[in-house]
């Protein structure tokens, strides 16, 4: 319960940070968002994204994390607001770390 409250509080704080208004489903909903911050916590690290529903992110969505065009990890969207999302790290390449500026993209559904 404490982790859920922490993530919710972080999402509210992240949403309060200024970002231009983009309409949900607009042409900008390209499924890509830069990492704004990585918040280290005792149980897990939280990845804050500069994109939410406006970019196509929904809770439960699995995404790739890349830098310079090379994927090196995966996250799952835990909470999504209109313009911000919070994700949990699922996997990382050995010795890799997610940092601000890395790109998170929606993972294609392999069943389609």
N, C-alpha and C. Protein backbone atom coordinates (compact mmCIF):
# COMPACT_ATOMS: atom_id res chain seq x y z
N UNK A 1 0.83 -1.19 0.00
CA UNK A 1 0.00 0.00 0.00
C UNK A 1 0.88 1.25 0.00
N UNK A 2 1.98 1.19 0.76
CA UNK A 2 2.86 2.35 0.84
C UNK A 2 3.46 2.67 -0.53
N UNK A 3 3.83 1.62 -1.30
CA UNK A 3 4.40 1.83 -2.64
C UNK A 3 3.38 2.45 -3.58
N UNK A 4 2.11 2.04 -3.46
CA UNK A 4 1.06 2.60 -4.31
C UNK A 4 0.89 4.08 -3.99
N UNK A 5 0.89 4.42 -2.71
CA UNK A 5 0.77 5.82 -2.31
C UNK A 5 1.97 6.62 -2.78
N UNK A 6 3.16 6.04 -2.69
CA UNK A 6 4.37 6.72 -3.14
C UNK A 6 4.30 6.99 -4.64
N UNK A 7 3.90 5.98 -5.43
CA UNK A 7 3.80 6.17 -6.87
C UNK A 7 2.74 7.21 -7.22
N UNK A 8 1.60 7.17 -6.53
CA UNK A 8 0.54 8.14 -6.79
C UNK A 8 1.01 9.55 -6.46
N UNK A 9 1.70 9.71 -5.35
CA UNK A 9 2.21 11.02 -4.96
C UNK A 9 3.24 11.51 -5.97
N UNK A 10 4.09 10.59 -6.45
CA UNK A 10 5.10 10.96 -7.43
C UNK A 10 4.44 11.38 -8.74
N UNK A 11 3.40 10.67 -9.16
CA UNK A 11 2.70 11.02 -10.40
C UNK A 11 2.05 12.38 -10.29
N UNK A 12 1.44 12.67 -9.14
CA UNK A 12 0.83 13.99 -8.94
C UNK A 12 1.89 15.07 -9.00
N UNK A 13 3.03 14.83 -8.36
CA UNK A 13 4.12 15.81 -8.39
C UNK A 13 4.68 15.97 -9.78
N UNK A 14 4.84 14.87 -10.50
CA UNK A 14 5.38 14.93 -11.86
C UNK A 14 4.42 15.65 -12.79
N UNK A 15 3.12 15.44 -12.62
CA UNK A 15 2.12 16.09 -13.46
C UNK A 15 2.12 17.60 -13.22
N UNK A 16 2.42 18.01 -12.00
CA UNK A 16 2.42 19.43 -11.68
C UNK A 16 3.56 20.17 -12.36
N UNK A 17 4.61 19.45 -12.77
CA UNK A 17 5.73 20.07 -13.45
C UNK A 17 5.25 20.52 -14.82
N UNK A 18 5.62 21.72 -15.23
CA UNK A 18 5.11 22.29 -16.47
C UNK A 18 5.39 21.46 -17.70
N UNK A 19 4.39 21.30 -18.53
CA UNK A 19 4.51 20.65 -19.84
C UNK A 19 3.41 21.22 -20.71
N UNK A 20 3.72 21.41 -21.99
CA UNK A 20 2.71 21.97 -22.86
C UNK A 20 1.55 21.00 -23.01
N UNK A 21 0.38 21.55 -23.32
CA UNK A 21 -0.83 20.75 -23.42
C UNK A 21 -0.87 20.08 -24.79
N UNK A 22 -1.05 18.77 -24.79
CA UNK A 22 -1.24 18.01 -26.03
C UNK A 22 -2.53 17.24 -25.90
N UNK A 23 -3.32 17.22 -26.92
CA UNK A 23 -4.61 16.52 -26.87
C UNK A 23 -4.40 15.02 -26.94
N UNK A 24 -5.14 14.25 -26.11
CA UNK A 24 -5.04 12.80 -26.20
C UNK A 24 -5.42 12.34 -27.60
N UNK A 25 -4.67 11.41 -28.15
CA UNK A 25 -4.97 10.90 -29.47
C UNK A 25 -4.54 11.82 -30.60
N UNK A 26 -3.84 12.90 -30.27
CA UNK A 26 -3.37 13.82 -31.30
C UNK A 26 -2.21 13.18 -32.05
N UNK A 27 -1.76 13.84 -33.09
CA UNK A 27 -0.68 13.31 -33.92
C UNK A 27 0.57 13.04 -33.10
N UNK A 28 0.73 13.72 -31.96
CA UNK A 28 1.92 13.53 -31.13
C UNK A 28 1.88 12.21 -30.36
N UNK A 29 0.75 11.49 -30.38
CA UNK A 29 0.64 10.24 -29.65
C UNK A 29 1.42 9.16 -30.39
N UNK A 30 2.74 9.28 -30.36
CA UNK A 30 3.61 8.41 -31.13
C UNK A 30 4.19 7.26 -30.33
N UNK A 31 3.81 7.14 -29.05
CA UNK A 31 4.32 6.04 -28.24
C UNK A 31 5.75 6.19 -27.80
N UNK A 32 6.26 7.42 -27.80
CA UNK A 32 7.63 7.69 -27.37
C UNK A 32 7.64 8.80 -26.34
N UNK A 33 8.50 8.68 -25.34
CA UNK A 33 8.64 9.73 -24.33
C UNK A 33 10.02 9.67 -23.71
N UNK A 34 10.63 10.84 -23.49
CA UNK A 34 11.93 10.84 -22.81
C UNK A 34 11.77 10.61 -21.30
N UNK A 35 12.80 10.03 -20.71
CA UNK A 35 12.84 9.87 -19.26
C UNK A 35 13.14 11.23 -18.66
N UNK A 36 12.34 11.65 -17.69
CA UNK A 36 12.55 12.91 -16.98
C UNK A 36 13.45 12.69 -15.78
N UNK A 37 13.21 11.60 -15.06
CA UNK A 37 13.98 11.32 -13.85
C UNK A 37 13.84 9.86 -13.46
N UNK A 38 14.80 9.38 -12.71
CA UNK A 38 14.72 8.06 -12.10
C UNK A 38 14.81 8.29 -10.60
N UNK A 39 13.77 7.85 -9.89
CA UNK A 39 13.69 8.06 -8.45
C UNK A 39 14.02 6.75 -7.77
N UNK A 40 15.11 6.73 -7.02
CA UNK A 40 15.51 5.51 -6.31
C UNK A 40 14.75 5.42 -5.01
N UNK A 41 14.18 4.25 -4.79
CA UNK A 41 13.45 3.98 -3.56
C UNK A 41 14.03 2.72 -2.94
N UNK A 42 13.63 2.43 -1.73
CA UNK A 42 14.18 1.28 -1.04
C UNK A 42 13.79 -0.03 -1.72
N UNK A 43 12.55 -0.15 -2.18
CA UNK A 43 12.09 -1.40 -2.77
C UNK A 43 12.31 -1.47 -4.27
N UNK A 44 12.18 -0.35 -4.96
CA UNK A 44 12.29 -0.34 -6.42
C UNK A 44 12.59 1.07 -6.91
N UNK A 45 13.06 1.17 -8.14
CA UNK A 45 13.29 2.48 -8.74
C UNK A 45 12.10 2.84 -9.61
N UNK A 46 11.72 4.10 -9.60
CA UNK A 46 10.61 4.59 -10.40
C UNK A 46 11.16 5.45 -11.53
N UNK A 47 10.65 5.27 -12.73
CA UNK A 47 11.08 6.02 -13.90
C UNK A 47 9.95 6.97 -14.28
N UNK A 48 10.23 8.27 -14.27
CA UNK A 48 9.23 9.29 -14.60
C UNK A 48 9.40 9.66 -16.07
N UNK A 49 8.30 9.62 -16.83
CA UNK A 49 8.34 9.89 -18.26
C UNK A 49 7.61 11.19 -18.60
N UNK A 50 8.12 11.89 -19.59
CA UNK A 50 7.48 13.11 -20.10
C UNK A 50 6.48 12.72 -21.19
N UNK A 51 5.49 11.97 -20.80
CA UNK A 51 4.44 11.54 -21.70
C UNK A 51 3.51 10.61 -20.95
N UNK A 52 2.25 10.71 -21.26
CA UNK A 52 1.25 9.88 -20.60
C UNK A 52 0.24 9.41 -21.62
N UNK A 53 -1.04 9.61 -21.30
CA UNK A 53 -2.10 9.23 -22.23
C UNK A 53 -1.93 9.95 -23.57
N UNK A 54 -1.38 11.17 -23.53
CA UNK A 54 -1.19 11.93 -24.77
C UNK A 54 -0.20 11.27 -25.71
N UNK A 55 0.63 10.37 -25.20
CA UNK A 55 1.62 9.66 -26.02
C UNK A 55 1.27 8.19 -26.21
N UNK A 56 0.14 7.76 -25.68
CA UNK A 56 -0.30 6.39 -25.86
C UNK A 56 0.05 5.45 -24.72
N UNK A 57 0.61 5.95 -23.62
CA UNK A 57 0.98 5.12 -22.48
C UNK A 57 -0.23 4.85 -21.60
N UNK A 58 -0.38 3.58 -21.20
CA UNK A 58 -1.47 3.15 -20.33
C UNK A 58 -0.89 2.24 -19.26
N UNK A 59 -1.48 2.19 -18.07
CA UNK A 59 -0.98 1.29 -17.03
C UNK A 59 -0.95 -0.16 -17.55
N UNK A 60 0.14 -0.84 -17.23
CA UNK A 60 0.30 -2.23 -17.65
C UNK A 60 1.04 -2.40 -18.96
N UNK A 61 1.25 -1.32 -19.69
CA UNK A 61 1.95 -1.39 -20.97
C UNK A 61 3.43 -1.63 -20.76
N UNK A 62 3.99 -2.60 -21.47
CA UNK A 62 5.42 -2.88 -21.41
C UNK A 62 6.10 -2.08 -22.51
N UNK A 63 7.21 -1.42 -22.16
CA UNK A 63 7.92 -0.54 -23.09
C UNK A 63 9.41 -0.86 -23.11
N UNK A 64 10.06 -0.51 -24.20
CA UNK A 64 11.51 -0.62 -24.32
C UNK A 64 12.16 0.68 -23.89
N UNK A 65 13.37 0.59 -23.36
CA UNK A 65 14.17 1.76 -23.02
C UNK A 65 15.40 1.74 -23.92
N UNK A 66 15.69 2.87 -24.56
CA UNK A 66 16.84 2.91 -25.47
C UNK A 66 17.64 4.19 -25.30
N UNK A 67 18.87 4.11 -25.78
CA UNK A 67 19.78 5.26 -25.78
C UNK A 67 20.58 5.17 -27.08
N UNK A 68 20.63 6.24 -27.82
CA UNK A 68 21.35 6.27 -29.10
C UNK A 68 20.87 5.16 -30.04
N UNK A 69 19.55 4.89 -30.02
CA UNK A 69 18.98 3.91 -30.92
C UNK A 69 19.14 2.46 -30.53
N UNK A 70 19.76 2.19 -29.37
CA UNK A 70 19.97 0.81 -28.93
C UNK A 70 19.16 0.53 -27.67
N UNK A 71 18.27 -0.47 -27.76
CA UNK A 71 17.45 -0.86 -26.61
C UNK A 71 18.32 -1.59 -25.59
N UNK A 72 18.14 -1.25 -24.31
CA UNK A 72 18.94 -1.89 -23.27
C UNK A 72 18.12 -2.27 -22.04
N UNK A 73 16.81 -2.06 -22.09
CA UNK A 73 15.99 -2.40 -20.93
C UNK A 73 14.52 -2.38 -21.24
N UNK A 74 13.73 -2.75 -20.24
CA UNK A 74 12.28 -2.75 -20.36
C UNK A 74 11.65 -2.22 -19.08
N UNK A 75 10.55 -1.48 -19.23
CA UNK A 75 9.79 -0.96 -18.09
C UNK A 75 8.32 -1.28 -18.32
N UNK A 76 7.55 -1.23 -17.24
CA UNK A 76 6.10 -1.37 -17.33
C UNK A 76 5.48 -0.11 -16.74
N UNK A 77 4.50 0.45 -17.43
CA UNK A 77 3.83 1.66 -16.96
C UNK A 77 2.97 1.30 -15.75
N UNK A 78 3.25 1.94 -14.62
CA UNK A 78 2.50 1.69 -13.39
C UNK A 78 1.34 2.68 -13.24
N UNK A 79 1.58 3.92 -13.58
CA UNK A 79 0.56 4.98 -13.50
C UNK A 79 0.73 5.88 -14.70
N UNK A 80 -0.37 6.36 -15.26
CA UNK A 80 -0.29 7.28 -16.40
C UNK A 80 -1.31 8.38 -16.22
N UNK A 81 -0.83 9.61 -16.34
CA UNK A 81 -1.69 10.77 -16.35
C UNK A 81 -1.78 11.28 -17.77
N UNK A 82 -2.32 12.45 -17.96
CA UNK A 82 -2.44 13.00 -19.31
C UNK A 82 -1.08 13.22 -19.95
N UNK A 83 -0.13 13.83 -19.20
CA UNK A 83 1.17 14.18 -19.79
C UNK A 83 2.38 13.59 -19.06
N UNK A 84 2.17 12.78 -18.04
CA UNK A 84 3.28 12.16 -17.31
C UNK A 84 2.92 10.71 -17.00
N UNK A 85 3.94 9.88 -16.91
CA UNK A 85 3.77 8.48 -16.51
C UNK A 85 4.86 8.10 -15.53
N UNK A 86 4.58 7.08 -14.74
CA UNK A 86 5.57 6.51 -13.84
C UNK A 86 5.66 5.03 -14.19
N UNK A 87 6.89 4.55 -14.38
CA UNK A 87 7.10 3.16 -14.77
C UNK A 87 8.02 2.45 -13.78
N UNK A 88 7.90 1.13 -13.75
CA UNK A 88 8.76 0.28 -12.95
C UNK A 88 9.71 -0.46 -13.89
N UNK A 89 10.94 -0.63 -13.46
CA UNK A 89 11.94 -1.31 -14.29
C UNK A 89 11.71 -2.82 -14.23
N UNK A 90 11.58 -3.43 -15.43
CA UNK A 90 11.42 -4.88 -15.53
C UNK A 90 12.76 -5.57 -15.73
N UNK A 91 13.57 -5.02 -16.65
CA UNK A 91 14.87 -5.63 -16.93
C UNK A 91 15.83 -4.60 -17.49
N UNK A 92 17.12 -4.86 -17.27
CA UNK A 92 18.19 -4.00 -17.78
C UNK A 92 19.35 -4.88 -18.20
N UNK A 93 20.06 -4.44 -19.25
CA UNK A 93 21.29 -5.13 -19.62
C UNK A 93 22.28 -5.00 -18.46
N UNK A 94 23.19 -5.97 -18.34
CA UNK A 94 24.20 -5.89 -17.27
C UNK A 94 24.96 -4.56 -17.36
N UNK A 95 25.18 -3.96 -16.26
CA UNK A 95 25.90 -2.68 -16.08
C UNK A 95 25.21 -1.49 -16.74
N UNK A 96 23.96 -1.63 -17.18
CA UNK A 96 23.22 -0.50 -17.74
C UNK A 96 22.43 0.20 -16.64
N UNK A 97 22.13 1.47 -16.86
CA UNK A 97 21.32 2.24 -15.93
C UNK A 97 20.47 3.21 -16.73
N UNK A 98 19.22 3.37 -16.33
CA UNK A 98 18.33 4.32 -16.99
C UNK A 98 18.62 5.70 -16.43
N UNK A 99 18.78 6.68 -17.31
CA UNK A 99 19.05 8.05 -16.89
C UNK A 99 18.13 9.00 -17.63
N UNK A 100 18.05 10.23 -17.12
CA UNK A 100 17.23 11.26 -17.78
C UNK A 100 17.73 11.43 -19.21
N UNK A 101 16.78 11.53 -20.14
CA UNK A 101 17.12 11.68 -21.55
C UNK A 101 17.01 10.40 -22.34
N UNK A 102 17.02 9.24 -21.67
CA UNK A 102 16.81 7.98 -22.38
C UNK A 102 15.40 7.98 -22.96
N UNK A 103 15.17 7.19 -24.00
CA UNK A 103 13.88 7.18 -24.68
C UNK A 103 13.12 5.90 -24.37
N UNK A 104 11.85 6.06 -23.97
CA UNK A 104 10.97 4.93 -23.70
C UNK A 104 9.96 4.85 -24.84
N UNK A 105 9.83 3.68 -25.44
CA UNK A 105 8.90 3.49 -26.55
C UNK A 105 7.99 2.30 -26.28
N UNK A 106 6.76 2.40 -26.77
CA UNK A 106 5.83 1.30 -26.64
C UNK A 106 6.39 0.08 -27.35
N UNK A 107 6.23 -1.07 -26.76
CA UNK A 107 6.72 -2.32 -27.35
C UNK A 107 5.59 -2.85 -28.24
N UNK A 108 5.94 -3.26 -29.43
CA UNK A 108 4.95 -3.83 -30.35
C UNK A 108 4.42 -5.13 -29.78
N UNK A 109 3.13 -5.35 -29.94
CA UNK A 109 2.51 -6.58 -29.47
C UNK A 109 2.87 -7.70 -30.45
N UNK A 110 3.58 -8.69 -30.00
CA UNK A 110 4.04 -9.77 -30.87
C UNK A 110 2.92 -10.67 -31.35
N UNK A 111 1.74 -10.58 -30.73
CA UNK A 111 0.60 -11.41 -31.12
C UNK A 111 -0.22 -10.81 -32.26
N UNK A 112 0.10 -9.60 -32.66
CA UNK A 112 -0.67 -8.95 -33.74
C UNK A 112 0.02 -9.20 -35.07
